[in-house]
C-alpha cells in the first residue's frame, strides 16, 4: 500500500450557509506530520491565534470567516505593533503588523521552534486552495515582511485533484537551539468582493496546507543553498504534497511473471524487487520496465539494479516516464548508482526519462547517479542535488565517475547515446576519470545536448588526479 506524505496538514475549512446572507467557518485539522528534517535537527511547527484578550493561544477551529471589510485597496492596520510575548518572548518587528479587529481577517500565526541541539536553517511552504473558476485575486494572506524572510511565489499545482497556489517563506537566518522564529504566515482573508458563487467553488472546505522543512546549518553558507540541496528546489512539480511512495526497505517481486515483455511498477518496494530480480540472475534482456509513480527511498541504503558484472547486469529498457526518485543512497565499491551495471548484446541497455533528486553515491570504481557501468543509452534523465565520491586511497581505482554515468562503452552495434540529460547542483570527487556528465566514454558513445548547471568536479588527492572535469572526464 502506498503511503502519502504530508497530504493533509494544516487545514482551513470554509463551509457556506445561506441564512440571510453568507456565513462561513474556518477550522483547522492539523496532522502530526507537519515537518520534514534532514540531519541532526529537530523542529516543531507552531500555529497560534489571539484570544479575546489579545494573548496567543493554539489555533482553534470553527471561527466565522466572511468577505473582508475595508475601504480602498487594503485592510486597515491595527494601532501599533503586536509583541509576541506569550511565545518564548519573540519580539515584533515592522513586518509583524496585523489587520485590525472587525476587518474579518483570520489570525493564523505559523512559528517554527528549534527543539534540537544544533543550529538549523528552515523554510515554510504554504499551499493555498484556489479552485478552478475562482479569480485568484479573491484570496489574500497577510505575510511577515521582515527581512528575516524571503517570500517566493511558486505557482499553481494540483494536489489530490485540487488546484492550489504555492508560496515559500525562507528563513534567512540560523535558528539556534530552543529559539523560536517570528511567524511567517500571519492572517488569511477573502476579498471584500467575494460572493456566494465564489464560496460555492470550494465545495465544503477550503484548505491551506503548511509544512516546514529544516536542515542542520553547519557546513552551509546560506539557508537557500542548504535547503535546496537537502530537499529540492521548490517548484510546482517538486513540493511536500506530491503523492510519493515511501520505501521502508520492503521488496515486492509479485508484479513479475516472467512471461511478458513489458511491466509497470509504481512503488519503492517494486523498484527494490526489480533490483532483486536482476541481481538474482534474470537479466530482463529485451524487457521494458515502466515507472508509473514518484518514489522516495528515504536515504535508506540502496542496492543497485545490476549489482555486478556478467549475468547480473540489467539488459532491458527502463522508462521513468518523467517520474522522480528521491533520496538515493548507494554504497558499493564497484558499480554504484540507481543501476550498477547495465549492458546487453547488440543495441545495449536503455535508461530514459527518470529523475533522481537528492543522491549520495559512494564507490571506488564506476560511479554515476543513474548508472555506474553502461553499455547502452541514457537519455532524458535528470540528476539534481547529488554528491558522488569515487575514491580509492591506494590510487588504483577511484575512477570513472559522472553525474549521469560513470563508464559508458565499449563496442556496440551503432553508437551509444548519452544525451538530452540535465545535471544540477552536483559535486563529484574522484582520483581520476571524472566528468560532469560521464566519467569515461569510448569512441562509440555520443555525449551531446546535456544541460549542466552548478556541477563541480575535483581530484581527491589520491593517485594522479588525471582527466578531471569537463562534460566527459576521459574519452577513448
Protein backbone atom coordinates (compact mmCIF):
# COMPACT_ATOMS: atom_id res chain seq x y z
CA UNK A 1 0.00 0.00 0.00
CA UNK A 2 1.26 3.46 -0.83
CA UNK A 3 1.97 5.91 1.95
CA UNK A 4 1.27 9.55 1.15
CA UNK A 5 3.47 12.11 2.84
CA UNK A 6 2.04 15.28 4.26
CA UNK A 7 -1.22 15.06 2.35
CA UNK A 8 -3.36 16.81 4.94
CA UNK A 9 -1.56 19.19 7.24
CA UNK A 10 -2.98 22.49 8.43
CA UNK A 11 -6.49 22.85 7.05
CA UNK A 12 -8.66 25.92 6.83
CA UNK A 13 -12.24 24.79 6.34
CA UNK A 14 -14.80 27.08 4.76
CA UNK A 15 -18.44 25.96 4.58
CA UNK A 16 -21.09 28.26 3.17
CA UNK A 17 -24.57 28.61 4.69
CA UNK A 18 -27.25 30.86 3.25
CA UNK A 19 -29.02 32.40 6.25
CA UNK A 20 -29.98 35.96 5.42
CA UNK A 21 -26.54 36.27 3.87
CA UNK A 22 -23.24 34.40 3.67
CA UNK A 23 -21.85 32.69 6.75
CA UNK A 24 -18.64 30.65 6.56
CA UNK A 25 -16.46 28.78 9.02
CA UNK A 26 -12.72 28.46 9.26
CA UNK A 27 -11.41 25.34 11.00
CA UNK A 28 -8.11 23.56 11.41
CA UNK A 29 -7.34 19.85 11.37
CA UNK A 30 -3.59 19.59 11.96
CA UNK A 31 -1.74 16.37 11.18
CA UNK A 32 1.08 15.21 13.44
CA UNK A 33 3.31 15.13 10.35
CA UNK A 34 3.87 18.79 9.51
CA UNK A 35 7.67 18.98 9.50
CA UNK A 36 10.47 17.44 7.43
CA UNK A 37 14.10 17.38 8.61
CA UNK A 38 17.49 16.24 7.29
CA UNK A 39 20.50 15.75 9.56
CA UNK A 40 20.66 16.01 13.32
CA UNK A 41 17.83 18.54 13.51
CA UNK A 42 14.52 18.72 15.36
CA UNK A 43 11.90 21.41 14.88
CA UNK A 44 8.31 22.00 15.86
CA UNK A 45 5.80 23.94 13.78
CA UNK A 46 3.56 26.07 15.99
CA UNK A 47 0.23 27.54 14.89
CA UNK A 48 -1.37 30.26 17.04
CA UNK A 49 -4.05 32.93 17.13
CA UNK A 50 -5.07 35.73 19.50
CA UNK A 51 -7.74 35.18 22.11
CA UNK A 52 -10.28 37.78 23.20
CA UNK A 53 -7.64 39.43 25.43
CA UNK A 54 -5.05 39.60 22.67
CA UNK A 55 -2.91 36.80 24.11
CA UNK A 56 -1.66 33.93 21.97
CA UNK A 57 -3.37 30.56 22.08
CA UNK A 58 -3.19 27.49 19.88
CA UNK A 59 -5.05 27.81 16.61
CA UNK A 60 -8.63 26.64 17.08
CA UNK A 61 -11.48 25.59 14.85
CA UNK A 62 -14.85 26.98 13.86
CA UNK A 63 -14.18 30.68 13.58
CA UNK A 64 -16.51 32.53 11.21
CA UNK A 65 -14.97 34.00 8.10
CA UNK A 66 -16.75 36.24 5.62
CA UNK A 67 -15.53 38.58 2.89
CA UNK A 68 -13.22 41.17 4.41
CA UNK A 69 -14.43 44.62 5.40
CA UNK A 70 -12.26 47.50 4.24
CA UNK A 71 -12.24 50.66 2.17
CA UNK A 72 -9.85 51.21 -0.70
CA UNK A 73 -7.32 48.58 -1.78
CA UNK A 74 -6.14 47.13 1.55
CA UNK A 75 -7.39 46.29 5.02
CA UNK A 76 -6.84 48.80 7.84
CA UNK A 77 -3.90 48.16 10.16
CA UNK A 78 -4.31 47.77 13.88
CA UNK A 79 -2.83 50.50 16.06
CA UNK A 80 0.80 49.77 16.93
CA UNK A 81 2.74 46.55 16.50
CA UNK A 82 1.96 43.21 18.07
CA UNK A 83 4.53 41.81 20.51
CA UNK A 84 4.70 38.02 20.70
CA UNK A 85 5.40 37.93 24.43
CA UNK A 86 3.49 34.71 25.02
CA UNK A 87 5.56 32.65 22.59
CA UNK A 88 9.04 32.50 24.10
CA UNK A 89 9.41 36.25 24.08
CA UNK A 90 9.75 36.53 20.31
CA UNK A 91 9.86 40.28 19.56
CA UNK A 92 7.76 42.03 16.98
CA UNK A 93 9.16 43.95 14.03
CA UNK A 94 7.85 46.18 11.30
CA UNK A 95 6.74 43.14 9.32
CA UNK A 96 4.55 41.84 12.15
CA UNK A 97 1.76 44.39 11.90
CA UNK A 98 -1.75 42.92 11.85
CA UNK A 99 -5.05 43.92 10.37
CA UNK A 100 -7.41 45.36 12.96
CA UNK A 101 -10.25 43.51 14.66
CA UNK A 102 -13.51 43.63 12.76
CA UNK A 103 -11.84 43.52 9.34
CA UNK A 104 -12.67 39.79 9.03
CA UNK A 105 -9.04 38.76 8.66
CA UNK A 106 -8.45 35.45 10.47
CA UNK A 107 -5.31 35.01 12.58
CA UNK A 108 -3.08 32.06 11.75
CA UNK A 109 0.44 32.68 13.07
CA UNK A 110 2.87 29.97 11.90
CA UNK A 111 6.05 29.84 14.03
CA UNK A 112 8.90 27.32 13.99
CA UNK A 113 10.82 26.34 17.11
CA UNK A 114 14.19 24.60 17.10
CA UNK A 115 13.68 21.79 19.63
CA UNK A 116 17.01 20.08 18.88
CA UNK A 117 20.59 20.73 19.91
CA UNK A 118 22.07 22.02 16.65
CA UNK A 119 21.71 25.21 14.64
CA UNK A 120 19.19 24.88 11.81
CA UNK A 121 18.07 26.51 8.60
CA UNK A 122 14.37 26.24 7.80
CA UNK A 123 11.62 27.25 5.40
CA UNK A 124 7.84 27.03 5.48
CA UNK A 125 5.91 26.06 2.37
CA UNK A 126 2.26 27.08 2.09
CA UNK A 127 -0.32 25.68 -0.34
CA UNK A 128 -3.48 27.76 -0.65
CA UNK A 129 -6.52 26.17 -2.29
CA UNK A 130 -7.66 28.12 -5.34
CA UNK A 131 -10.35 26.09 -7.15
CA UNK A 132 -10.89 26.20 -10.89
CA UNK A 133 -13.13 29.07 -11.86
CA UNK A 134 -12.14 31.29 -8.95
CA UNK A 135 -10.37 34.56 -9.59
CA UNK A 136 -7.11 34.11 -7.61
CA UNK A 137 -7.31 37.74 -6.52
CA UNK A 138 -10.19 36.76 -4.19
CA UNK A 139 -7.76 35.05 -1.79
CA UNK A 140 -5.29 37.07 0.31
CA UNK A 141 -2.76 36.44 3.05
CA UNK A 142 -1.02 38.81 5.41
CA UNK A 143 2.59 37.61 5.48
CA UNK A 144 5.56 38.65 7.61
CA UNK A 145 7.55 41.19 5.61
CA UNK A 146 10.54 41.23 7.96
CA UNK A 147 13.93 40.89 6.24
CA UNK A 148 14.45 37.58 8.02
CA UNK A 149 12.07 36.06 5.48
CA UNK A 150 12.35 35.81 1.72
CA UNK A 151 8.98 35.07 0.14
CA UNK A 152 8.68 33.32 -3.21
CA UNK A 153 5.60 32.77 -5.35
CA UNK A 154 5.97 29.25 -6.73
CA UNK A 155 2.81 28.95 -8.82
CA UNK A 156 -0.23 26.74 -9.28
CA UNK A 157 -0.17 22.99 -8.78
CA UNK A 158 -2.65 20.16 -8.30
CA UNK A 159 -2.77 18.18 -5.04
CA UNK A 160 -5.13 15.21 -4.86
CA UNK A 161 -7.10 16.63 -7.79
CA UNK A 162 -7.48 20.10 -6.25
CA UNK A 163 -5.83 23.29 -7.52
CA UNK A 164 -3.53 25.12 -5.08
CA UNK A 165 -1.19 28.10 -5.17
CA UNK A 166 2.25 27.54 -3.60
CA UNK A 167 4.27 30.11 -1.64
CA UNK A 168 7.60 29.65 0.13
CA UNK A 169 8.78 31.55 3.23
CA UNK A 170 12.56 31.08 3.52
CA UNK A 171 14.03 31.99 6.91
CA UNK A 172 17.34 33.70 6.09
CA UNK A 173 19.00 33.37 9.50
CA UNK A 174 20.20 30.47 11.60
CA UNK A 175 17.59 29.23 14.08
CA UNK A 176 19.52 28.37 17.25
CA UNK A 177 18.57 25.55 19.66
CA UNK A 178 15.50 26.44 21.74
CA UNK A 179 14.94 29.56 19.62
CA UNK A 180 11.51 30.30 18.14
CA UNK A 181 11.30 32.20 14.88
CA UNK A 182 8.98 35.06 14.15
CA UNK A 183 5.84 33.86 12.39
CA UNK A 184 5.80 33.58 8.61
CA UNK A 185 2.08 33.41 7.82
CA UNK A 186 0.01 35.87 9.86
CA UNK A 187 -3.56 36.15 8.61
CA UNK A 188 -5.89 34.89 5.87
CA UNK A 189 -8.86 36.72 4.40
CA UNK A 190 -11.26 36.73 1.48
CA UNK A 191 -11.57 39.74 -0.76
CA UNK A 192 -14.44 42.08 0.06
CA UNK A 193 -15.84 41.36 -3.42
CA UNK A 194 -16.14 37.60 -2.78
CA UNK A 195 -19.64 36.23 -3.46
CA UNK A 196 -21.70 33.18 -2.59
CA UNK A 197 -20.77 31.81 -6.00
CA UNK A 198 -17.09 32.13 -5.12
CA UNK A 199 -17.61 30.23 -1.87
CA UNK A 200 -19.54 27.51 -3.70
CA UNK A 201 -16.45 26.76 -5.82
CA UNK A 202 -14.69 25.47 -2.71
CA UNK A 203 -17.36 22.86 -2.08
CA UNK A 204 -17.42 22.01 1.61
CA UNK A 205 -13.98 23.27 2.56
CA UNK A 206 -11.03 25.47 1.68
CA UNK A 207 -7.61 24.09 2.58
CA UNK A 208 -4.37 25.85 3.38
CA UNK A 209 -1.58 23.30 3.80
CA UNK A 210 1.51 24.28 5.78
CA UNK A 211 4.74 22.33 6.24
CA UNK A 212 8.18 23.38 7.49
CA UNK A 213 11.48 21.83 6.37
CA UNK A 214 14.77 22.12 8.26
CA UNK A 215 18.40 21.07 7.81
CA UNK A 216 21.46 21.30 10.02
CA UNK A 217 23.13 24.68 9.40
CA UNK A 218 26.71 23.58 9.96
CA UNK A 219 28.67 23.35 6.70
CA UNK A 220 26.33 25.51 4.62
CA UNK A 221 26.90 29.09 3.50
CA UNK A 222 23.23 30.12 3.47
CA UNK A 223 19.74 28.78 4.10
CA UNK A 224 18.63 28.64 0.46
CA UNK A 225 21.60 26.52 -0.65
CA UNK A 226 21.27 24.24 2.38
CA UNK A 227 17.54 23.57 1.97
CA UNK A 228 17.54 23.19 -1.81
CA UNK A 229 20.40 20.72 -1.54
CA UNK A 230 18.96 18.78 1.41
CA UNK A 231 15.47 18.61 -0.09
CA UNK A 232 14.90 20.16 -3.52
CA UNK A 233 14.25 23.46 -5.24
CA UNK A 234 10.56 24.02 -4.53
CA UNK A 235 8.59 24.14 -7.78
CA UNK A 236 5.09 23.27 -8.94
CA UNK A 237 6.49 19.78 -9.69
CA UNK A 238 8.55 19.36 -6.51
CA UNK A 239 6.86 20.10 -3.19
CA UNK A 240 5.89 18.27 0.04
CA UNK A 241 2.41 17.24 -1.08
CA UNK A 242 3.36 15.11 -4.04
CA UNK A 243 1.88 11.63 -3.99
CA UNK A 244 5.21 9.91 -3.33
CA UNK A 245 5.59 6.28 -2.30
CA UNK A 246 7.94 5.88 0.69
CA UNK A 247 10.32 2.95 1.00
CA UNK A 248 10.73 1.23 4.30
CA UNK A 249 13.06 -1.45 2.90
CA UNK A 250 10.41 -3.95 1.74
CA UNK A 251 10.79 -5.86 -1.53
CA UNK A 252 7.94 -6.77 -3.90
CA UNK A 253 8.54 -9.10 -6.87
CA UNK A 254 4.93 -10.25 -7.24
CA UNK A 255 4.46 -7.97 -10.28
CA UNK A 256 6.96 -10.01 -12.32
CA UNK A 257 5.54 -13.09 -14.05
CA UNK A 258 8.49 -13.80 -16.32
CA UNK A 259 6.38 -14.30 -19.44
CA UNK A 260 5.83 -10.71 -20.63
CA UNK A 261 7.98 -8.18 -22.48
CA UNK A 262 6.68 -5.11 -20.62
CA UNK A 263 5.89 -4.42 -16.97
CA UNK A 264 4.76 -1.39 -14.98
CA UNK A 265 5.91 -0.64 -11.42
CA UNK A 266 4.91 2.27 -9.19
CA UNK A 267 6.15 1.64 -5.65
CA UNK A 268 9.53 1.67 -3.96
CA UNK A 269 9.11 -1.97 -2.94
CA UNK A 270 8.52 -2.91 -6.58
CA UNK A 271 11.64 -0.99 -7.61
CA UNK A 272 13.58 -2.91 -4.95
CA UNK A 273 12.00 -6.03 -6.41
CA UNK A 274 13.47 -5.13 -9.80
CA UNK A 275 16.91 -4.99 -8.20
CA UNK A 276 16.37 -8.36 -6.53
CA UNK A 277 15.23 -9.98 -9.79
CA UNK A 278 18.22 -8.69 -11.78
CA UNK A 279 20.74 -9.33 -9.03
CA UNK A 280 19.38 -12.86 -8.75
CA UNK A 281 20.43 -13.58 -12.33
CA UNK A 282 17.42 -12.69 -14.51
CA UNK A 283 18.86 -10.06 -16.88
CA UNK A 284 15.45 -8.98 -18.29
CA UNK A 285 17.01 -8.95 -21.76
CA UNK A 286 14.53 -7.36 -24.19
CA UNK A 287 12.08 -6.45 -21.40
CA UNK A 288 10.77 -2.91 -20.81
CA UNK A 289 10.10 -1.66 -17.27
CA UNK A 290 7.84 1.39 -16.98
CA UNK A 291 7.79 3.56 -13.85
CA UNK A 292 4.31 4.87 -13.02
CA UNK A 293 4.87 6.98 -9.91
CA UNK A 294 7.42 9.00 -7.94
CA UNK A 295 9.31 7.24 -5.16
CA UNK A 296 11.13 8.34 -2.01
CA UNK A 297 13.90 5.94 -0.94
CA UNK A 298 14.23 7.93 2.31
CA UNK A 299 18.06 7.76 2.32
CA UNK A 300 17.88 4.04 3.09
CA UNK A 301 20.86 2.18 1.65
CA UNK A 302 20.08 1.10 -1.90
CA UNK A 303 21.47 -1.99 -3.62
CA UNK A 304 21.96 -1.04 -7.29
CA UNK A 305 19.93 -2.73 -10.01
CA UNK A 306 22.63 -4.88 -11.59
CA UNK A 307 25.00 -5.22 -8.66
CA UNK A 308 27.79 -6.97 -10.53
CA UNK A 309 29.11 -7.92 -13.94
CA UNK A 310 28.03 -10.53 -16.48
CA UNK A 311 24.71 -12.20 -15.87
CA UNK A 312 23.88 -9.78 -13.03
CA UNK A 313 23.73 -6.76 -15.35
CA UNK A 314 20.38 -5.22 -16.31
CA UNK A 315 19.89 -5.88 -20.03
CA UNK A 316 16.49 -4.35 -20.69
CA UNK A 317 14.89 -0.91 -21.04
CA UNK A 318 13.87 1.25 -18.08
CA UNK A 319 11.49 4.14 -18.81
CA UNK A 320 10.96 6.51 -15.87
CA UNK A 321 8.16 8.38 -17.71
CA UNK A 322 9.24 11.65 -16.10
CA UNK A 323 8.74 10.45 -12.51
CA UNK A 324 11.22 11.20 -9.74
CA UNK A 325 13.21 9.00 -7.37
CA UNK A 326 14.14 10.96 -4.24
CA UNK A 327 16.87 10.42 -1.64
CA UNK A 328 19.04 7.74 -3.27
CA UNK A 329 21.84 6.46 -1.05
CA UNK A 330 24.35 3.98 -2.52
CA UNK A 331 27.48 2.48 -1.01
CA UNK A 332 29.01 -0.03 -3.43
CA UNK A 333 32.71 -0.44 -4.13
CA UNK A 334 32.24 -1.40 -7.78
CA UNK A 335 29.35 -0.15 -9.93
CA UNK A 336 27.34 2.36 -7.91
CA UNK A 337 24.16 4.22 -8.86
CA UNK A 338 20.46 3.60 -9.25
CA UNK A 339 21.73 0.98 -11.70
CA UNK A 340 25.12 -0.58 -11.08
CA UNK A 341 25.76 -2.49 -14.31
CA UNK A 342 23.52 -2.20 -17.36
CA UNK A 343 24.55 -3.67 -20.70
CA UNK A 344 23.23 -6.05 -23.34
CA UNK A 345 24.33 -7.62 -26.59
CA UNK A 346 23.52 -5.69 -29.74
CA UNK A 347 21.87 -2.32 -29.13
CA UNK A 348 22.57 -2.37 -25.41
CA UNK A 349 20.54 -1.45 -22.34
CA UNK A 350 18.46 1.75 -22.26
CA UNK A 351 17.58 4.00 -19.33
CA UNK A 352 15.39 7.03 -20.06
CA UNK A 353 13.18 9.75 -18.62
CA UNK A 354 13.89 9.18 -14.94
CA UNK A 355 14.71 11.97 -12.47
CA UNK A 356 16.82 11.48 -9.36
CA UNK A 357 16.71 14.26 -6.76
CA UNK A 358 18.94 14.14 -3.67
CA UNK A 359 21.52 11.41 -4.07
CA UNK A 360 24.70 10.32 -2.31
CA UNK A 361 26.89 7.83 -4.18
CA UNK A 362 29.97 6.30 -2.57
CA UNK A 363 32.18 3.94 -4.55
CA UNK A 364 35.76 3.16 -5.55
CA UNK A 365 35.04 2.34 -9.22
CA UNK A 366 32.32 3.15 -11.75
CA UNK A 367 30.02 5.68 -10.08
CA UNK A 368 27.09 7.57 -11.59
CA UNK A 369 23.75 8.62 -10.12
CA UNK A 370 21.80 6.94 -12.94
CA UNK A 371 24.21 4.08 -13.73
CA UNK A 372 27.75 3.13 -12.79
CA UNK A 373 28.82 0.95 -15.75
CA UNK A 374 26.86 1.02 -19.01
CA UNK A 375 26.85 -0.43 -22.49
CA UNK A 376 23.83 1.40 -23.85
CA UNK A 377 21.89 4.67 -23.80
CA UNK A 378 20.87 7.15 -21.11
CA UNK A 379 18.53 9.84 -22.43
CA UNK A 380 16.14 12.43 -20.99
CA UNK A 381 17.20 11.88 -17.38
CA UNK A 382 17.73 14.48 -14.63
CA UNK A 383 20.08 14.42 -11.66
CA UNK A 384 19.65 17.23 -9.12
CA UNK A 385 21.32 17.75 -5.75
CA UNK A 386 23.86 14.94 -5.66
CA UNK A 387 27.22 14.14 -4.08
CA UNK A 388 29.41 11.48 -5.71
CA UNK A 389 32.56 10.19 -4.01
CA UNK A 390 34.59 7.76 -6.12
CA UNK A 391 37.80 7.46 -4.16
CA UNK A 392 40.42 4.76 -3.61
CA UNK A 393 43.10 5.72 -1.11
CA UNK A 394 45.52 3.25 -2.75
CA UNK A 395 45.18 5.16 -6.01
CA UNK A 396 44.50 2.04 -8.05
CA UNK A 397 40.82 2.74 -8.67
CA UNK A 398 38.78 5.79 -7.63
CA UNK A 399 37.96 6.39 -11.27
CA UNK A 400 35.16 6.69 -13.82
CA UNK A 401 32.64 8.92 -12.06
CA UNK A 402 29.99 11.19 -13.57
CA UNK A 403 26.70 12.78 -12.58
CA UNK A 404 24.78 10.63 -15.10
CA UNK A 405 27.08 7.66 -15.79
CA UNK A 406 30.49 6.54 -14.61
CA UNK A 407 31.62 4.49 -17.63
CA UNK A 408 29.90 4.01 -20.99
CA UNK A 409 31.16 1.86 -23.90
CA UNK A 410 32.87 -0.08 -25.48
CA UNK A 411 31.95 -1.68 -28.84
CA UNK A 412 28.34 -1.63 -30.00
CA UNK A 413 26.08 -2.11 -32.97
CA UNK A 414 25.86 1.56 -33.87
CA UNK A 415 26.64 4.27 -31.34
CA UNK A 416 25.55 4.57 -27.74
CA UNK A 417 23.81 7.78 -26.74
CA UNK A 418 24.11 9.87 -23.56
CA UNK A 419 22.10 12.93 -24.50
CA UNK A 420 19.25 15.23 -23.50
CA UNK A 421 20.04 14.83 -19.81
CA UNK A 422 20.14 17.54 -17.12
CA UNK A 423 22.50 17.78 -14.16
CA UNK A 424 22.17 20.46 -11.49
CA UNK A 425 23.85 21.08 -8.14
CA UNK A 426 26.22 18.11 -8.21
CA UNK A 427 29.62 17.64 -6.55
CA UNK A 428 31.91 14.87 -7.81
CA UNK A 429 35.17 13.83 -6.17
CA UNK A 430 37.39 11.13 -7.71
CA UNK A 431 41.01 10.11 -8.15
CA UNK A 432 40.75 10.44 -11.94
CA UNK A 433 38.46 9.98 -14.98
CA UNK A 434 35.61 12.11 -13.68
CA UNK A 435 33.28 14.38 -15.66
CA UNK A 436 30.19 16.50 -15.21
CA UNK A 437 28.02 14.07 -17.20
CA UNK A 438 30.16 10.97 -17.82
CA UNK A 439 33.42 9.90 -16.24
CA UNK A 440 34.68 7.83 -19.17
CA UNK A 441 33.20 7.42 -22.65
CA UNK A 442 34.59 5.39 -25.54
CA UNK A 443 34.57 6.41 -29.19
CA UNK A 444 31.25 4.67 -29.88
CA UNK A 445 29.41 7.00 -27.48
CA UNK A 446 27.70 10.28 -28.37
CA UNK A 447 27.57 12.66 -25.39
CA UNK A 448 25.62 15.73 -26.52
CA UNK A 449 22.83 18.21 -25.73
CA UNK A 450 23.09 17.77 -21.97
CA UNK A 451 22.28 20.70 -19.67
CA UNK A 452 24.78 21.39 -16.91
CA UNK A 453 24.20 23.78 -14.00
CA UNK A 454 26.48 24.13 -10.98
CA UNK A 455 28.44 20.89 -11.27
CA UNK A 456 31.84 20.72 -9.57
CA UNK A 457 34.42 18.01 -10.29
CA UNK A 458 37.56 17.78 -8.15
CA UNK A 459 40.50 15.44 -7.64
CA UNK A 460 40.61 13.61 -4.33
CA UNK A 461 44.33 13.93 -3.75
CA UNK A 462 44.89 10.19 -4.12
CA UNK A 463 46.54 8.89 -7.28
CA UNK A 464 47.32 11.05 -10.29
CA UNK A 465 44.15 13.15 -10.48
CA UNK A 466 44.27 12.97 -14.30
CA UNK A 467 41.27 13.56 -16.57
CA UNK A 468 39.19 15.58 -14.10
CA UNK A 469 36.48 17.95 -15.26
CA UNK A 470 34.58 18.76 -18.44
CA UNK A 471 31.38 17.16 -19.69
CA UNK A 472 33.32 13.88 -20.11
CA UNK A 473 36.33 13.23 -17.91
CA UNK A 474 38.09 10.94 -20.35
CA UNK A 475 37.37 9.76 -23.89
CA UNK A 476 38.95 6.94 -25.84
